[in-house]
Structures are given as C-alpha cells and as structure tokens.
Amino acid sequence: MLYLNTDHLSRCRQTLESSLIMYQRAEAGSIDQEVFRNAIVKGYELAQETAFKLLKKALKVYGHSGKELESTPVKEILRLAAIHDLMTLEEVEHWFAYRDNRNNTAHDYGEAFAEQTLMLIPGFLADVA
C-alpha cells in the first residue's frame, strides 16, 4: 500500500496561489508586484521539486529503486508515472511544459520569462491540486 504525505505540496500550492493573488492586486510595475512575481517564480520551482519527490516515492512501489530514481531525469520520471498509470498522458504533457519552463529559470529571471511563467500558473495550480 502506498501512502504519500502531500501536506507540504498542498502548502506550496496555497502559498503560490496567494502570491499570484497578491501579484494581481499590486500596482502594475511596482516594487510590490516585482516582489510577488519573484515569490511566484520561487514558489513554482519549490512546488515542482516537491511534486517530483512525491512521484519518485510513488514509483518505488513499482520496483524502482531510490538510487535509480535519483539519477533518472525528470521527464523520464514523468514517463514512468504514465506507464504505471499514476498520471495520464495529458497530465504528463502538461508537466513536460512546466518542466521546460522551470529549466529556463536557471538562465532567465527577466520580465519576459516571468510573464511566460505567470501564464502557466493557473493551469499548474489546477494540476498540482
């Protein structure tokens, strides 16, 4: 039997959702809006990493070792999740897009990147839920 404690992921989701609301309420172009935008980007990263850790734990039930999973690229983890019916192909495609966007955070924290990320957040929040 598989038990995953999703409390931390749920908290990450709530924090990200609150950051998005505060961003939307802040005056356009203000420092406050920039602070909330930065919080969204970091919250997005944290929620993804937390979700992937949970997915790895779930895959252990199917005979995948922790050591094997730690060296497996994220997109392959997502493929394994689909193979074992933990996620649908549509969900995996969504998470591929989230991961591609997340990988860009290491290279581009500019406004254009942040705006692209902001457009993904509503769908991401739904998928995390």
N, C-alpha and C. Protein backbone atom coordinates (compact mmCIF):
# COMPACT_ATOMS: atom_id res chain seq x y z
N MET A 1 0.84 -1.18 0.00
CA MET A 1 0.00 0.00 0.00
C MET A 1 0.89 1.25 0.00
N LEU A 2 0.43 2.23 -0.72
CA LEU A 2 1.19 3.46 -0.86
C LEU A 2 0.53 4.58 -0.07
N TYR A 3 1.32 5.23 0.76
CA TYR A 3 0.85 6.41 1.46
C TYR A 3 1.84 7.53 1.19
N LEU A 4 1.34 8.62 0.65
CA LEU A 4 2.17 9.80 0.42
C LEU A 4 1.61 10.96 1.22
N ASN A 5 2.44 11.57 2.00
CA ASN A 5 2.04 12.76 2.74
C ASN A 5 2.20 13.96 1.81
N THR A 6 1.08 14.53 1.42
CA THR A 6 1.10 15.64 0.48
C THR A 6 0.91 17.00 1.15
N ASP A 7 1.05 17.03 2.48
CA ASP A 7 0.85 18.28 3.21
C ASP A 7 1.77 19.40 2.72
N HIS A 8 3.04 19.08 2.52
CA HIS A 8 4.00 20.11 2.08
C HIS A 8 3.65 20.61 0.68
N LEU A 9 3.27 19.70 -0.22
CA LEU A 9 2.89 20.11 -1.57
C LEU A 9 1.64 20.98 -1.51
N SER A 10 0.71 20.61 -0.68
CA SER A 10 -0.51 21.41 -0.53
C SER A 10 -0.18 22.82 -0.03
N ARG A 11 0.73 22.90 0.92
CA ARG A 11 1.15 24.21 1.44
C ARG A 11 1.86 25.02 0.36
N CYS A 12 2.70 24.37 -0.43
CA CYS A 12 3.38 25.05 -1.55
C CYS A 12 2.35 25.62 -2.52
N ARG A 13 1.33 24.84 -2.81
CA ARG A 13 0.29 25.26 -3.73
C ARG A 13 -0.45 26.48 -3.16
N GLN A 14 -0.81 26.42 -1.89
CA GLN A 14 -1.52 27.53 -1.26
C GLN A 14 -0.69 28.80 -1.28
N THR A 15 0.59 28.66 -0.99
CA THR A 15 1.50 29.81 -0.98
C THR A 15 1.62 30.41 -2.38
N LEU A 16 1.75 29.54 -3.38
CA LEU A 16 1.86 30.00 -4.76
C LEU A 16 0.59 30.71 -5.19
N GLU A 17 -0.55 30.15 -4.84
CA GLU A 17 -1.82 30.76 -5.19
C GLU A 17 -1.97 32.14 -4.53
N SER A 18 -1.59 32.24 -3.27
CA SER A 18 -1.65 33.53 -2.57
C SER A 18 -0.70 34.55 -3.20
N SER A 19 0.48 34.10 -3.58
CA SER A 19 1.44 35.00 -4.23
C SER A 19 0.88 35.54 -5.54
N LEU A 20 0.20 34.67 -6.29
CA LEU A 20 -0.41 35.10 -7.56
C LEU A 20 -1.50 36.14 -7.31
N ILE A 21 -2.33 35.91 -6.31
CA ILE A 21 -3.40 36.87 -5.98
C ILE A 21 -2.80 38.21 -5.58
N MET A 22 -1.77 38.19 -4.75
CA MET A 22 -1.13 39.43 -4.31
C MET A 22 -0.45 40.15 -5.48
N TYR A 23 0.15 39.38 -6.38
CA TYR A 23 0.76 39.96 -7.58
C TYR A 23 -0.31 40.69 -8.40
N GLN A 24 -1.45 40.04 -8.59
CA GLN A 24 -2.52 40.62 -9.40
C GLN A 24 -3.10 41.88 -8.76
N ARG A 25 -3.09 41.95 -7.45
CA ARG A 25 -3.64 43.11 -6.73
C ARG A 25 -2.65 44.27 -6.63
N ALA A 26 -1.38 43.98 -6.79
CA ALA A 26 -0.36 45.03 -6.66
C ALA A 26 -0.42 45.99 -7.85
N GLU A 27 0.01 47.19 -7.60
CA GLU A 27 0.05 48.20 -8.67
C GLU A 27 1.02 47.75 -9.75
N ALA A 28 0.58 47.84 -10.99
CA ALA A 28 1.41 47.42 -12.13
C ALA A 28 2.74 48.16 -12.12
N GLY A 29 3.82 47.42 -12.26
CA GLY A 29 5.15 48.00 -12.32
C GLY A 29 5.75 48.36 -10.97
N SER A 30 5.04 48.11 -9.90
CA SER A 30 5.53 48.50 -8.57
C SER A 30 6.54 47.48 -8.04
N ILE A 31 7.28 47.91 -7.03
CA ILE A 31 8.21 47.02 -6.34
C ILE A 31 7.44 45.85 -5.72
N ASP A 32 6.27 46.14 -5.15
CA ASP A 32 5.45 45.08 -4.56
C ASP A 32 5.13 44.01 -5.61
N GLN A 33 4.75 44.44 -6.79
CA GLN A 33 4.42 43.47 -7.82
C GLN A 33 5.65 42.64 -8.19
N GLU A 34 6.80 43.29 -8.24
CA GLU A 34 8.03 42.56 -8.54
C GLU A 34 8.38 41.55 -7.45
N VAL A 35 8.17 41.92 -6.20
CA VAL A 35 8.41 41.01 -5.07
C VAL A 35 7.49 39.79 -5.20
N PHE A 36 6.23 40.02 -5.50
CA PHE A 36 5.29 38.90 -5.63
C PHE A 36 5.61 38.05 -6.85
N ARG A 37 6.06 38.69 -7.93
CA ARG A 37 6.47 37.93 -9.13
C ARG A 37 7.63 37.01 -8.78
N ASN A 38 8.60 37.52 -8.05
CA ASN A 38 9.74 36.69 -7.64
C ASN A 38 9.29 35.55 -6.74
N ALA A 39 8.34 35.84 -5.85
CA ALA A 39 7.80 34.79 -4.97
C ALA A 39 7.09 33.72 -5.79
N ILE A 40 6.40 34.12 -6.85
CA ILE A 40 5.72 33.16 -7.72
C ILE A 40 6.74 32.24 -8.38
N VAL A 41 7.80 32.81 -8.92
CA VAL A 41 8.82 32.00 -9.60
C VAL A 41 9.43 30.99 -8.63
N LYS A 42 9.80 31.45 -7.43
CA LYS A 42 10.40 30.53 -6.45
C LYS A 42 9.39 29.50 -5.95
N GLY A 43 8.15 29.93 -5.73
CA GLY A 43 7.11 29.00 -5.30
C GLY A 43 6.82 27.95 -6.35
N TYR A 44 6.84 28.34 -7.59
CA TYR A 44 6.65 27.44 -8.73
C TYR A 44 7.75 26.39 -8.75
N GLU A 45 8.98 26.82 -8.56
CA GLU A 45 10.11 25.89 -8.52
C GLU A 45 9.98 24.91 -7.35
N LEU A 46 9.65 25.42 -6.18
CA LEU A 46 9.54 24.58 -4.99
C LEU A 46 8.40 23.57 -5.13
N ALA A 47 7.27 23.99 -5.65
CA ALA A 47 6.13 23.09 -5.83
C ALA A 47 6.49 21.97 -6.81
N GLN A 48 7.20 22.31 -7.87
CA GLN A 48 7.61 21.27 -8.82
C GLN A 48 8.55 20.26 -8.17
N GLU A 49 9.55 20.74 -7.49
CA GLU A 49 10.51 19.83 -6.87
C GLU A 49 9.83 18.94 -5.83
N THR A 50 8.90 19.51 -5.08
CA THR A 50 8.16 18.73 -4.08
C THR A 50 7.32 17.66 -4.76
N ALA A 51 6.65 18.02 -5.85
CA ALA A 51 5.83 17.05 -6.59
C ALA A 51 6.69 15.92 -7.15
N PHE A 52 7.87 16.24 -7.66
CA PHE A 52 8.74 15.20 -8.23
C PHE A 52 9.26 14.26 -7.14
N LYS A 53 9.53 14.78 -5.96
CA LYS A 53 9.95 13.92 -4.85
C LYS A 53 8.84 12.93 -4.49
N LEU A 54 7.60 13.41 -4.47
CA LEU A 54 6.47 12.53 -4.17
C LEU A 54 6.29 11.48 -5.27
N LEU A 55 6.47 11.90 -6.49
CA LEU A 55 6.34 10.97 -7.62
C LEU A 55 7.39 9.87 -7.54
N LYS A 56 8.60 10.23 -7.17
CA LYS A 56 9.66 9.23 -7.01
C LYS A 56 9.30 8.23 -5.90
N LYS A 57 8.75 8.73 -4.81
CA LYS A 57 8.33 7.84 -3.73
C LYS A 57 7.25 6.88 -4.23
N ALA A 58 6.32 7.39 -5.02
CA ALA A 58 5.24 6.55 -5.54
C ALA A 58 5.79 5.48 -6.49
N LEU A 59 6.81 5.81 -7.24
CA LEU A 59 7.37 4.86 -8.21
C LEU A 59 8.13 3.73 -7.53
N LYS A 60 8.57 3.92 -6.32
CA LYS A 60 9.27 2.86 -5.59
C LYS A 60 8.37 1.63 -5.40
N VAL A 61 7.07 1.85 -5.28
CA VAL A 61 6.11 0.76 -5.12
C VAL A 61 6.14 -0.17 -6.34
N TYR A 62 6.55 0.37 -7.48
CA TYR A 62 6.58 -0.40 -8.72
C TYR A 62 7.95 -1.03 -8.99
N GLY A 63 8.79 -1.06 -7.97
CA GLY A 63 10.07 -1.75 -8.07
C GLY A 63 11.25 -0.89 -8.48
N HIS A 64 11.04 0.38 -8.63
CA HIS A 64 12.14 1.28 -8.98
C HIS A 64 12.88 1.65 -7.70
N SER A 65 14.19 1.53 -7.72
CA SER A 65 14.97 1.83 -6.52
C SER A 65 15.16 3.34 -6.36
N GLY A 66 15.34 3.74 -5.12
CA GLY A 66 15.59 5.15 -4.84
C GLY A 66 16.83 5.66 -5.55
N LYS A 67 17.87 4.84 -5.55
CA LYS A 67 19.12 5.23 -6.20
C LYS A 67 18.91 5.40 -7.70
N GLU A 68 18.18 4.48 -8.29
CA GLU A 68 17.87 4.55 -9.73
C GLU A 68 17.08 5.82 -10.03
N LEU A 69 16.08 6.10 -9.22
CA LEU A 69 15.21 7.25 -9.47
C LEU A 69 15.94 8.57 -9.29
N GLU A 70 16.88 8.61 -8.36
CA GLU A 70 17.63 9.86 -8.13
C GLU A 70 18.48 10.24 -9.33
N SER A 71 18.90 9.26 -10.11
CA SER A 71 19.72 9.56 -11.28
C SER A 71 18.90 9.59 -12.58
N THR A 72 17.61 9.44 -12.46
CA THR A 72 16.73 9.44 -13.63
C THR A 72 16.26 10.87 -13.91
N PRO A 73 16.38 11.33 -15.16
CA PRO A 73 15.90 12.68 -15.49
C PRO A 73 14.40 12.83 -15.21
N VAL A 74 14.00 14.03 -14.89
CA VAL A 74 12.61 14.30 -14.52
C VAL A 74 11.63 13.87 -15.60
N LYS A 75 11.94 14.15 -16.85
CA LYS A 75 11.00 13.77 -17.91
C LYS A 75 10.83 12.25 -17.99
N GLU A 76 11.86 11.52 -17.68
CA GLU A 76 11.74 10.06 -17.65
C GLU A 76 10.91 9.62 -16.45
N ILE A 77 11.04 10.32 -15.33
CA ILE A 77 10.20 10.05 -14.16
C ILE A 77 8.73 10.23 -14.55
N LEU A 78 8.45 11.29 -15.27
CA LEU A 78 7.08 11.54 -15.72
C LEU A 78 6.59 10.44 -16.66
N ARG A 79 7.46 9.98 -17.55
CA ARG A 79 7.08 8.88 -18.44
C ARG A 79 6.77 7.61 -17.64
N LEU A 80 7.59 7.33 -16.64
CA LEU A 80 7.34 6.17 -15.78
C LEU A 80 6.01 6.30 -15.06
N ALA A 81 5.68 7.50 -14.65
CA ALA A 81 4.40 7.73 -13.98
C ALA A 81 3.24 7.38 -14.91
N ALA A 82 3.37 7.71 -16.18
CA ALA A 82 2.32 7.36 -17.14
C ALA A 82 2.27 5.86 -17.38
N ILE A 83 3.43 5.23 -17.48
CA ILE A 83 3.48 3.78 -17.68
C ILE A 83 2.77 3.05 -16.55
N HIS A 84 2.94 3.54 -15.34
CA HIS A 84 2.33 2.89 -14.16
C HIS A 84 0.96 3.48 -13.80
N ASP A 85 0.39 4.26 -14.72
CA ASP A 85 -0.95 4.84 -14.54
C ASP A 85 -1.07 5.76 -13.33
N LEU A 86 0.03 6.39 -12.96
CA LEU A 86 -0.02 7.39 -11.89
C LEU A 86 -0.45 8.75 -12.45
N MET A 87 -0.24 8.92 -13.75
CA MET A 87 -0.61 10.15 -14.45
C MET A 87 -1.11 9.76 -15.84
N THR A 88 -1.98 10.60 -16.39
CA THR A 88 -2.42 10.39 -17.76
C THR A 88 -1.38 10.99 -18.71
N LEU A 89 -1.46 10.63 -19.99
CA LEU A 89 -0.55 11.22 -20.96
C LEU A 89 -0.74 12.73 -21.05
N GLU A 90 -1.99 13.18 -20.94
CA GLU A 90 -2.26 14.62 -20.98
C GLU A 90 -1.60 15.33 -19.80
N GLU A 91 -1.69 14.73 -18.62
CA GLU A 91 -1.05 15.32 -17.44
C GLU A 91 0.47 15.36 -17.61
N VAL A 92 1.03 14.29 -18.15
CA VAL A 92 2.48 14.26 -18.39
C VAL A 92 2.88 15.36 -19.36
N GLU A 93 2.09 15.58 -20.40
CA GLU A 93 2.40 16.66 -21.35
C GLU A 93 2.39 18.02 -20.65
N HIS A 94 1.42 18.23 -19.77
CA HIS A 94 1.39 19.49 -19.00
C HIS A 94 2.68 19.65 -18.20
N TRP A 95 3.06 18.57 -17.50
CA TRP A 95 4.24 18.63 -16.64
C TRP A 95 5.52 18.76 -17.46
N PHE A 96 5.55 18.24 -18.68
CA PHE A 96 6.69 18.48 -19.56
C PHE A 96 6.83 19.98 -19.81
N ALA A 97 5.72 20.64 -20.09
CA ALA A 97 5.75 22.10 -20.34
C ALA A 97 6.19 22.85 -19.09
N TYR A 98 5.69 22.42 -17.92
CA TYR A 98 6.09 23.07 -16.68
C TYR A 98 7.60 22.89 -16.44
N ARG A 99 8.07 21.69 -16.73
CA ARG A 99 9.49 21.40 -16.51
C ARG A 99 10.36 22.21 -17.47
N ASP A 100 9.95 22.28 -18.73
CA ASP A 100 10.71 23.08 -19.70
C ASP A 100 10.78 24.53 -19.24
N ASN A 101 9.65 25.05 -18.78
CA ASN A 101 9.64 26.42 -18.28
C ASN A 101 10.53 26.55 -17.05
N ARG A 102 10.44 25.59 -16.15
CA ARG A 102 11.25 25.59 -14.92
C ARG A 102 12.74 25.58 -15.24
N ASN A 103 13.13 24.81 -16.24
CA ASN A 103 14.54 24.75 -16.61
C ASN A 103 15.05 26.11 -17.09
N ASN A 104 14.18 26.91 -17.63
CA ASN A 104 14.57 28.25 -18.07
C ASN A 104 14.83 29.19 -16.91
N THR A 105 14.30 28.89 -15.73
CA THR A 105 14.51 29.79 -14.59
C THR A 105 15.98 29.87 -14.21
N ALA A 106 16.72 28.82 -14.50
CA ALA A 106 18.15 28.83 -14.17
C ALA A 106 18.91 29.81 -15.06
N HIS A 107 18.31 30.19 -16.18
CA HIS A 107 19.02 31.02 -17.16
C HIS A 107 18.41 32.40 -17.36
N ASP A 108 17.14 32.57 -17.01
CA ASP A 108 16.47 33.82 -17.36
C ASP A 108 15.45 34.19 -16.30
N TYR A 109 15.79 35.16 -15.47
CA TYR A 109 14.85 35.66 -14.49
C TYR A 109 14.24 36.98 -14.96
N GLY A 110 14.34 37.26 -16.25
CA GLY A 110 13.84 38.52 -16.78
C GLY A 110 12.33 38.60 -16.79
N GLU A 111 11.86 39.78 -17.12
CA GLU A 111 10.42 40.05 -17.10
C GLU A 111 9.67 39.19 -18.10
N ALA A 112 10.24 38.98 -19.30
CA ALA A 112 9.57 38.17 -20.32
C ALA A 112 9.39 36.74 -19.82
N PHE A 113 10.42 36.20 -19.19
CA PHE A 113 10.31 34.85 -18.63
C PHE A 113 9.23 34.81 -17.56
N ALA A 114 9.24 35.79 -16.68
CA ALA A 114 8.27 35.81 -15.59
C ALA A 114 6.86 35.88 -16.13
N GLU A 115 6.65 36.66 -17.17
CA GLU A 115 5.31 36.76 -17.77
C GLU A 115 4.89 35.42 -18.36
N GLN A 116 5.81 34.72 -18.98
CA GLN A 116 5.51 33.39 -19.53
C GLN A 116 5.14 32.43 -18.40
N THR A 117 5.90 32.48 -17.33
CA THR A 117 5.62 31.63 -16.18
C THR A 117 4.26 31.97 -15.57
N LEU A 118 3.96 33.25 -15.45
CA LEU A 118 2.68 33.68 -14.88
C LEU A 118 1.49 33.11 -15.67
N MET A 119 1.65 32.99 -16.98
CA MET A 119 0.56 32.43 -17.79
C MET A 119 0.35 30.94 -17.50
N LEU A 120 1.39 30.25 -17.08
CA LEU A 120 1.28 28.81 -16.77
C LEU A 120 0.70 28.53 -15.39
N ILE A 121 0.80 29.49 -14.50
CA ILE A 121 0.48 29.25 -13.09
C ILE A 121 -0.96 28.76 -12.85
N PRO A 122 -1.97 29.35 -13.45
CA PRO A 122 -3.32 28.85 -13.17
C PRO A 122 -3.49 27.35 -13.51
N GLY A 123 -2.99 26.93 -14.66
CA GLY A 123 -3.06 25.52 -15.03
C GLY A 123 -2.22 24.67 -14.11
N PHE A 124 -1.06 25.18 -13.73
CA PHE A 124 -0.18 24.46 -12.83
C PHE A 124 -0.85 24.24 -11.47
N LEU A 125 -1.48 25.28 -10.95
CA LEU A 125 -2.17 25.16 -9.67
C LEU A 125 -3.26 24.09 -9.74
N ALA A 126 -3.99 24.05 -10.85
CA ALA A 126 -5.04 23.03 -11.03
C ALA A 126 -4.42 21.64 -11.07
N ASP A 127 -3.31 21.50 -11.78
CA ASP A 127 -2.67 20.19 -11.90
C ASP A 127 -2.05 19.73 -10.59
N VAL A 128 -1.50 20.65 -9.82
CA VAL A 128 -0.93 20.29 -8.53
C VAL A 128 -2.03 19.83 -7.57
N ALA A 129 -3.17 20.50 -7.65
CA ALA A 129 -4.29 20.13 -6.78
C ALA A 129 -4.73 18.71 -7.05
